[in-house]
Amino acid sequence: MLDSVAALTGEAPRVLDLACGTGTITSRVLARFPDARTTGIDMDPALLTIARGSHQGETRADWVHGDLRTADWPALLPHATYDAVLTSTALHWLQAGPLRDLYRTLAEVVRPGGILINADHMPDDTTPAINEAVDAFDRERREKAAAGGSEDWIGWWQRAAEAPELADAVAERFETIGNPIDGDHSDGEAQSAEWHALALRDAGFSEARAIWASPTDGMVLGLR
């Protein structure tokens, strides 16, 4: 992802960390590009609290609380356009229609010549035997990890809710977004890399294609 940013936008990019969560993309961008400026936006107050705390005192980073499903979220950003919009394991929360709308909005947020990179779950339904084997392998690995005491998604949120530094933000998250313990991924859809590339071109990006893939995930780059 960051190699593509360097190749296509240079060594001092203005980056939008879309659905930033705890800000891990921002951390990597600022470590790789000392002259970068970043904006992280997310609707989750708990994850944004972690992001702000992890980057306390970092003057190159801004943080915005906003919902990408609304029409006016770009007005919350400190900059009108960005060299690169980066996102990871986030947009599968959206169904196809809202995601197409978001891509059209992002075509206005990314400057001409800038890029959008989406890394996410991107299944390929044309390979059912491969998919079944990989799913079984991953399921067995998760079961072994859980049996060995590894913390899962629900356990992480339970601990976050008990942490004094996060308790209020987690309570707000549970009230406004939902309780992960009850399952809050159910409304989303995971699309193939080919689907994302076509949707980006339809949205106004001049070029788009997959630049990385695993059996379950992919990364698609769109050039504005």
Protein backbone atom coordinates (compact mmCIF):
# COMPACT_ATOMS: atom_id res chain seq x y z
CA MET A 1 0.00 0.00 0.00
CA LEU A 2 2.64 2.51 1.02
CA ASP A 3 4.88 1.63 -1.94
CA SER A 4 1.96 2.57 -4.21
CA VAL A 5 1.52 5.85 -2.36
CA ALA A 6 5.20 6.67 -2.89
CA ALA A 7 5.15 5.65 -6.54
CA LEU A 8 2.04 7.60 -7.48
CA THR A 9 1.87 10.57 -5.10
CA GLY A 10 5.43 11.18 -3.87
CA GLU A 11 7.16 11.31 -0.51
CA ALA A 12 5.07 14.03 1.16
CA PRO A 13 1.48 12.89 0.68
CA ARG A 14 -1.67 14.25 2.20
CA VAL A 15 -3.45 11.06 3.27
CA LEU A 16 -7.01 10.34 4.36
CA ASP A 17 -7.16 7.27 6.61
CA LEU A 18 -10.74 6.23 5.82
CA ALA A 19 -12.65 4.36 8.53
CA CYS A 20 -9.39 4.63 10.43
CA GLY A 21 -10.24 2.60 13.52
CA THR A 22 -7.33 2.78 15.95
CA GLY A 23 -5.13 4.57 13.39
CA THR A 24 -2.77 1.80 12.34
CA ILE A 25 -2.58 3.01 8.73
CA THR A 26 -1.84 6.52 10.00
CA SER A 27 0.99 5.15 12.16
CA ARG A 28 2.56 3.42 9.17
CA VAL A 29 2.15 6.44 6.89
CA LEU A 30 3.80 8.83 9.34
CA ALA A 31 6.66 6.40 9.99
CA ARG A 32 7.28 5.92 6.26
CA PHE A 33 6.78 9.55 5.15
CA PRO A 34 8.16 12.14 7.63
CA ASP A 35 6.61 15.00 5.62
CA ALA A 36 3.16 13.44 5.30
CA ARG A 37 -0.03 14.92 6.72
CA THR A 38 -2.87 12.60 7.67
CA THR A 39 -6.53 12.77 8.56
CA GLY A 40 -8.25 9.82 10.20
CA ILE A 41 -12.05 9.61 10.08
CA ASP A 42 -14.24 7.03 11.79
CA MET A 43 -17.73 6.79 13.28
CA ASP A 44 -16.62 4.70 16.26
CA PRO A 45 -15.87 6.92 19.29
CA ALA A 46 -14.07 4.11 21.12
CA LEU A 47 -11.63 3.39 18.31
CA LEU A 48 -11.08 7.11 17.73
CA THR A 49 -10.25 7.50 21.42
CA ILE A 50 -7.53 4.88 21.01
CA ALA A 51 -6.28 6.53 17.82
CA ARG A 52 -6.02 9.96 19.43
CA GLY A 53 -4.35 8.54 22.51
CA SER A 54 -1.84 6.53 20.49
CA HIS A 55 -0.86 9.63 18.51
CA GLN A 56 -1.00 12.19 21.30
CA GLY A 57 1.26 15.11 20.47
CA GLU A 58 1.54 14.11 16.79
CA THR A 59 0.99 17.41 14.96
CA ARG A 60 0.94 15.79 11.52
CA ALA A 61 -2.28 13.89 12.24
CA ASP A 62 -5.88 15.11 12.51
CA TRP A 63 -8.85 13.05 13.69
CA VAL A 64 -12.49 13.41 12.69
CA HIS A 65 -15.62 11.76 14.06
CA GLY A 66 -17.89 11.18 11.07
CA ASP A 67 -20.24 8.70 9.44
CA LEU A 68 -19.29 7.74 5.86
CA ARG A 69 -22.90 6.78 5.17
CA THR A 70 -24.00 10.43 5.32
CA ALA A 71 -23.81 12.75 2.32
CA ASP A 72 -21.99 15.61 4.02
CA TRP A 73 -19.12 13.84 5.77
CA PRO A 74 -16.41 15.40 3.50
CA ALA A 75 -17.32 18.81 4.96
CA LEU A 76 -15.90 17.61 8.28
CA LEU A 77 -12.41 17.13 6.84
CA PRO A 78 -9.69 19.75 7.31
CA HIS A 79 -8.71 19.55 3.63
CA ALA A 80 -10.87 19.65 0.50
CA THR A 81 -8.83 17.05 -1.37
CA TYR A 82 -6.20 14.40 -0.64
CA ASP A 83 -3.33 12.80 -2.53
CA ALA A 84 -4.26 9.35 -1.24
CA VAL A 85 -7.24 7.77 0.49
CA LEU A 86 -6.30 4.53 2.27
CA THR A 87 -8.59 2.06 4.01
CA SER A 88 -8.24 -1.47 5.34
CA THR A 89 -10.75 -4.10 6.48
CA ALA A 90 -13.53 -1.56 6.84
CA LEU A 91 -15.71 -1.04 3.77
CA HIS A 92 -17.16 -4.55 3.84
CA TRP A 93 -19.45 -3.10 6.51
CA LEU A 94 -21.33 -1.39 3.63
CA GLN A 95 -23.73 -2.96 1.17
CA ALA A 96 -23.15 -2.57 -2.56
CA GLY A 97 -25.35 0.48 -3.10
CA PRO A 98 -23.94 2.64 -0.29
CA LEU A 99 -20.41 1.57 -1.22
CA ARG A 100 -20.92 2.73 -4.81
CA ASP A 101 -22.19 6.05 -3.44
CA LEU A 102 -19.12 6.31 -1.22
CA TYR A 103 -16.80 5.66 -4.16
CA ARG A 104 -18.50 8.47 -6.11
CA THR A 105 -17.98 10.80 -3.17
CA LEU A 106 -14.34 9.75 -2.87
CA ALA A 107 -13.80 10.56 -6.55
CA GLU A 108 -14.31 14.18 -5.47
CA VAL A 109 -12.15 13.88 -2.36
CA VAL A 110 -9.15 12.40 -4.22
CA ARG A 111 -7.36 15.04 -6.27
CA PRO A 112 -6.82 14.44 -10.01
CA GLY A 113 -3.82 12.12 -10.24
CA GLY A 114 -4.32 10.95 -6.67
CA ILE A 115 -5.21 7.44 -5.56
CA LEU A 116 -7.58 5.38 -3.45
CA ILE A 117 -6.48 2.00 -2.05
CA ASN A 118 -8.96 -0.35 -0.41
CA ALA A 119 -7.63 -3.49 1.32
CA ASP A 120 -10.45 -5.70 2.54
CA HIS A 121 -12.16 -9.07 2.46
CA MET A 122 -12.62 -9.69 -1.27
CA PRO A 123 -13.92 -13.18 -1.95
CA ASP A 124 -13.84 -14.86 -5.35
CA ASP A 125 -16.94 -16.98 -5.86
CA THR A 126 -15.49 -18.59 -8.98
CA THR A 127 -13.24 -20.86 -6.88
CA PRO A 128 -15.57 -22.71 -4.49
CA ALA A 129 -13.23 -25.64 -3.77
CA ILE A 130 -10.35 -23.31 -2.89
CA ASN A 131 -12.66 -21.18 -0.77
CA GLU A 132 -14.02 -24.15 1.15
CA ALA A 133 -10.55 -25.46 1.96
CA VAL A 134 -9.24 -22.07 3.06
CA ASP A 135 -12.32 -21.41 5.19
CA ALA A 136 -11.95 -24.77 6.93
CA PHE A 137 -8.25 -24.12 7.54
CA ASP A 138 -8.90 -20.66 8.98
CA ARG A 139 -11.74 -21.92 11.16
CA GLU A 140 -9.55 -24.66 12.61
CA ARG A 141 -6.76 -22.18 13.28
CA ARG A 142 -9.14 -19.81 15.09
CA GLU A 143 -10.52 -22.65 17.19
CA LYS A 144 -7.00 -23.70 18.21
CA ALA A 145 -6.10 -20.11 19.06
CA ALA A 146 -9.23 -19.71 21.19
CA ALA A 147 -8.52 -22.98 22.98
CA GLY A 148 -5.02 -21.70 23.71
CA GLY A 149 -6.38 -18.57 25.34
CA SER A 150 -6.08 -16.05 22.50
CA GLU A 151 -8.44 -13.12 22.80
CA ASP A 152 -11.17 -12.83 20.17
CA TRP A 153 -13.19 -9.86 18.87
CA ILE A 154 -15.85 -10.12 21.59
CA GLY A 155 -13.31 -10.55 24.35
CA TRP A 156 -11.43 -7.46 23.23
CA TRP A 157 -14.55 -5.32 23.45
CA GLN A 158 -15.41 -6.73 26.85
CA ARG A 159 -11.99 -5.69 28.16
CA ALA A 160 -12.26 -2.27 26.46
CA ALA A 161 -15.58 -1.65 28.18
CA GLU A 162 -13.91 -2.28 31.54
CA ALA A 163 -10.89 -0.02 30.91
CA PRO A 164 -11.25 3.33 32.74
CA GLU A 165 -9.71 5.24 29.82
CA LEU A 166 -12.22 3.79 27.33
CA ALA A 167 -15.35 3.01 29.33
CA ASP A 168 -17.28 6.18 28.39
CA ALA A 169 -16.33 5.98 24.70
CA VAL A 170 -17.20 2.28 24.54
CA ALA A 171 -20.57 2.95 26.18
CA GLU A 172 -21.25 5.63 23.55
CA ARG A 173 -20.22 3.18 20.86
CA PHE A 174 -22.59 0.51 22.13
CA GLU A 175 -25.45 3.02 22.24
CA THR A 176 -24.93 4.69 18.85
CA ILE A 177 -23.44 1.95 16.66
CA GLY A 178 -24.20 -1.30 18.40
CA ASN A 179 -22.74 -3.86 20.73
CA PRO A 180 -20.19 -6.08 18.94
CA ILE A 181 -21.14 -8.88 21.28
CA ASP A 182 -24.50 -8.99 19.50
CA GLY A 183 -22.84 -8.98 16.06
CA ASP A 184 -22.62 -5.66 14.19
CA HIS A 185 -21.17 -6.83 10.87
CA SER A 186 -24.40 -8.42 9.65
CA ASP A 187 -25.53 -5.60 7.33
CA GLY A 188 -22.38 -5.51 5.22
CA GLU A 189 -21.34 -7.26 2.02
CA ALA A 190 -17.95 -8.48 0.82
CA GLN A 191 -17.38 -7.99 -2.91
CA SER A 192 -14.71 -9.36 -5.25
CA ALA A 193 -11.68 -7.35 -6.30
CA GLU A 194 -13.07 -7.19 -9.83
CA TRP A 195 -16.30 -5.70 -8.48
CA HIS A 196 -14.38 -2.99 -6.59
CA ALA A 197 -12.26 -2.12 -9.64
CA LEU A 198 -15.34 -1.76 -11.85
CA ALA A 199 -17.18 0.27 -9.20
CA LEU A 200 -14.22 2.65 -8.90
CA ARG A 201 -14.08 3.18 -12.66
CA ASP A 202 -17.83 3.75 -12.75
CA ALA A 203 -17.41 6.29 -9.95
CA GLY A 204 -14.97 8.39 -11.98
CA PHE A 205 -11.52 6.89 -11.37
CA SER A 206 -9.54 6.66 -14.61
CA GLU A 207 -7.91 3.32 -13.78
CA ALA A 208 -8.47 0.65 -11.14
CA ARG A 209 -7.22 -2.87 -10.54
CA ALA A 210 -6.17 -5.35 -7.90
CA ILE A 211 -2.57 -4.89 -6.73
CA TRP A 212 -2.43 -7.63 -4.08
CA ALA A 213 -4.43 -10.72 -3.11
CA SER A 214 -4.58 -13.66 -0.72
CA PRO A 215 -7.13 -16.50 -0.85
CA THR A 216 -9.57 -14.41 1.21
CA ASP A 217 -8.50 -10.77 0.94
CA GLY A 218 -7.48 -8.29 -1.72
CA MET A 219 -6.22 -4.77 -2.33
CA VAL A 220 -7.58 -2.59 -5.12
CA LEU A 221 -6.03 0.67 -6.29
CA GLY A 222 -7.95 3.37 -8.11
CA LEU A 223 -6.18 6.24 -9.91
CA ARG A 224 -8.12 9.46 -10.09
